[in-house]
Amino acid sequence: MSHPQPNNPLHGLSLEKILTRLVERYGWDGLYAEINVNCFFNDPSIKSSLKFLRKTQWARDKVEALYINTFTD
């Protein structure tokens, strides 16, 4: 049973949706400038970036923090 999470700005968002919105906002070059990981620089794609981010918690944490800083008040 899921419980409402009013204090969690990422509640209900998939990693794919988060990454897609960030790419729409910053582009791949801008995203790489914000978070220096090669999956955003070397032949970037949503699919390859998701694969990396799902395996690499520190990078996922940075992506989620950037999303929160960009899209929440």
C-alpha atoms as a PDB file:
ATOM      1  CA  MET A   1       0.000   0.000   0.000  1.00  0.00           C
ATOM      2  CA  SER A   2       1.485   3.353  -0.964  1.00  0.00           C
ATOM      3  CA  HIS A   3       1.289   6.359   1.291  1.00  0.00           C
ATOM      4  CA  PRO A   4       1.114  10.002   0.177  1.00  0.00           C
ATOM      5  CA  GLN A   5       4.454  11.779   0.364  1.00  0.00           C
ATOM      6  CA  PRO A   6       3.664  15.496   0.355  1.00  0.00           C
ATOM      7  CA  ASN A   7       7.224  16.484   1.331  1.00  0.00           C
ATOM      8  CA  ASN A   8       8.910  14.445  -1.401  1.00  0.00           C
ATOM      9  CA  PRO A   9       9.165  16.532  -4.605  1.00  0.00           C
ATOM     10  CA  LEU A  10      10.183  13.439  -6.599  1.00  0.00           C
ATOM     11  CA  HIS A  11       7.185  11.341  -5.533  1.00  0.00           C
ATOM     12  CA  GLY A  12       5.478   9.825  -8.559  1.00  0.00           C
ATOM     13  CA  LEU A  13       8.255  10.757 -10.993  1.00  0.00           C
ATOM     14  CA  SER A  14      10.245   8.108 -12.796  1.00  0.00           C
ATOM     15  CA  LEU A  15      13.956   8.558 -13.397  1.00  0.00           C
ATOM     16  CA  GLU A  16      13.175   8.646 -17.117  1.00  0.00           C
ATOM     17  CA  LYS A  17      10.749  11.557 -16.671  1.00  0.00           C
ATOM     18  CA  ILE A  18      13.254  13.443 -14.501  1.00  0.00           C
ATOM     19  CA  LEU A  19      16.037  12.978 -17.043  1.00  0.00           C
ATOM     20  CA  THR A  20      13.801  13.872 -19.993  1.00  0.00           C
ATOM     21  CA  ARG A  21      12.706  17.150 -18.379  1.00  0.00           C
ATOM     22  CA  LEU A  22      16.307  18.053 -17.542  1.00  0.00           C
ATOM     23  CA  VAL A  23      17.440  17.378 -21.113  1.00  0.00           C
ATOM     24  CA  GLU A  24      14.554  19.497 -22.431  1.00  0.00           C
ATOM     25  CA  ARG A  25      15.608  22.325 -20.110  1.00  0.00           C
ATOM     26  CA  TYR A  26      19.421  22.173 -20.356  1.00  0.00           C
ATOM     27  CA  GLY A  27      20.209  20.054 -23.418  1.00  0.00           C
ATOM     28  CA  TRP A  28      22.944  17.433 -23.225  1.00  0.00           C
ATOM     29  CA  ASP A  29      25.765  20.000 -23.191  1.00  0.00           C
ATOM     30  CA  GLY A  30      24.129  21.991 -20.421  1.00  0.00           C
ATOM     31  CA  LEU A  31      23.408  18.871 -18.421  1.00  0.00           C
ATOM     32  CA  TYR A  32      27.052  17.811 -18.749  1.00  0.00           C
ATOM     33  CA  ALA A  33      28.118  21.287 -17.588  1.00  0.00           C
ATOM     34  CA  GLU A  34      25.913  20.905 -14.494  1.00  0.00           C
ATOM     35  CA  ILE A  35      26.769  17.258 -13.762  1.00  0.00           C
ATOM     36  CA  ASN A  36      30.118  16.153 -15.125  1.00  0.00           C
ATOM     37  CA  VAL A  37      29.486  12.508 -16.075  1.00  0.00           C
ATOM     38  CA  ASN A  38      30.472  10.994 -19.410  1.00  0.00           C
ATOM     39  CA  CYS A  39      27.036   9.549 -20.175  1.00  0.00           C
ATOM     40  CA  PHE A  40      25.898  13.163 -20.813  1.00  0.00           C
ATOM     41  CA  PHE A  41      28.903  13.961 -23.025  1.00  0.00           C
ATOM     42  CA  ASN A  42      29.980  10.906 -25.017  1.00  0.00           C
ATOM     43  CA  ASP A  43      27.175   9.988 -27.473  1.00  0.00           C
ATOM     44  CA  PRO A  44      24.376  10.773 -24.982  1.00  0.00           C
ATOM     45  CA  SER A  45      20.922   9.227 -25.089  1.00  0.00           C
ATOM     46  CA  ILE A  46      18.112   8.767 -22.607  1.00  0.00           C
ATOM     47  CA  LYS A  47      18.492   4.975 -22.746  1.00  0.00           C
ATOM     48  CA  SER A  48      22.247   4.872 -22.095  1.00  0.00           C
ATOM     49  CA  SER A  49      22.036   7.556 -19.416  1.00  0.00           C
ATOM     50  CA  LEU A  50      19.248   5.697 -17.600  1.00  0.00           C
ATOM     51  CA  LYS A  51      21.313   2.513 -17.643  1.00  0.00           C
ATOM     52  CA  PHE A  52      24.254   4.357 -16.065  1.00  0.00           C
ATOM     53  CA  LEU A  53      22.166   6.276 -13.522  1.00  0.00           C
ATOM     54  CA  ARG A  54      20.349   3.160 -12.340  1.00  0.00           C
ATOM     55  CA  LYS A  55      23.705   1.553 -11.516  1.00  0.00           C
ATOM     56  CA  THR A  56      25.460   4.625 -10.100  1.00  0.00           C
ATOM     57  CA  GLN A  57      23.761   6.063  -7.028  1.00  0.00           C
ATOM     58  CA  TRP A  58      26.003   9.141  -6.611  1.00  0.00           C
ATOM     59  CA  ALA A  59      25.224  10.273 -10.169  1.00  0.00           C
ATOM     60  CA  ARG A  60      21.512   9.609  -9.708  1.00  0.00           C
ATOM     61  CA  ASP A  61      21.580  11.680  -6.506  1.00  0.00           C
ATOM     62  CA  LYS A  62      23.107  14.591  -8.436  1.00  0.00           C
ATOM     63  CA  VAL A  63      20.488  14.325 -11.194  1.00  0.00           C
ATOM     64  CA  GLU A  64      17.667  14.261  -8.647  1.00  0.00           C
ATOM     65  CA  ALA A  65      19.153  17.242  -6.776  1.00  0.00           C
ATOM     66  CA  LEU A  66      19.450  19.220 -10.011  1.00  0.00           C
ATOM     67  CA  TYR A  67      15.833  18.409 -10.848  1.00  0.00           C
ATOM     68  CA  ILE A  68      14.670  19.602  -7.425  1.00  0.00           C
ATOM     69  CA  ASN A  69      16.730  22.805  -7.686  1.00  0.00           C
ATOM     70  CA  THR A  70      15.468  23.477 -11.212  1.00  0.00           C
ATOM     71  CA  PHE A  71      11.772  22.639 -11.031  1.00  0.00           C
ATOM     72  CA  THR A  72      10.660  23.225  -7.426  1.00  0.00           C
ATOM     73  CA  ASP A  73      10.185  26.416  -5.494  1.00  0.00           C
END
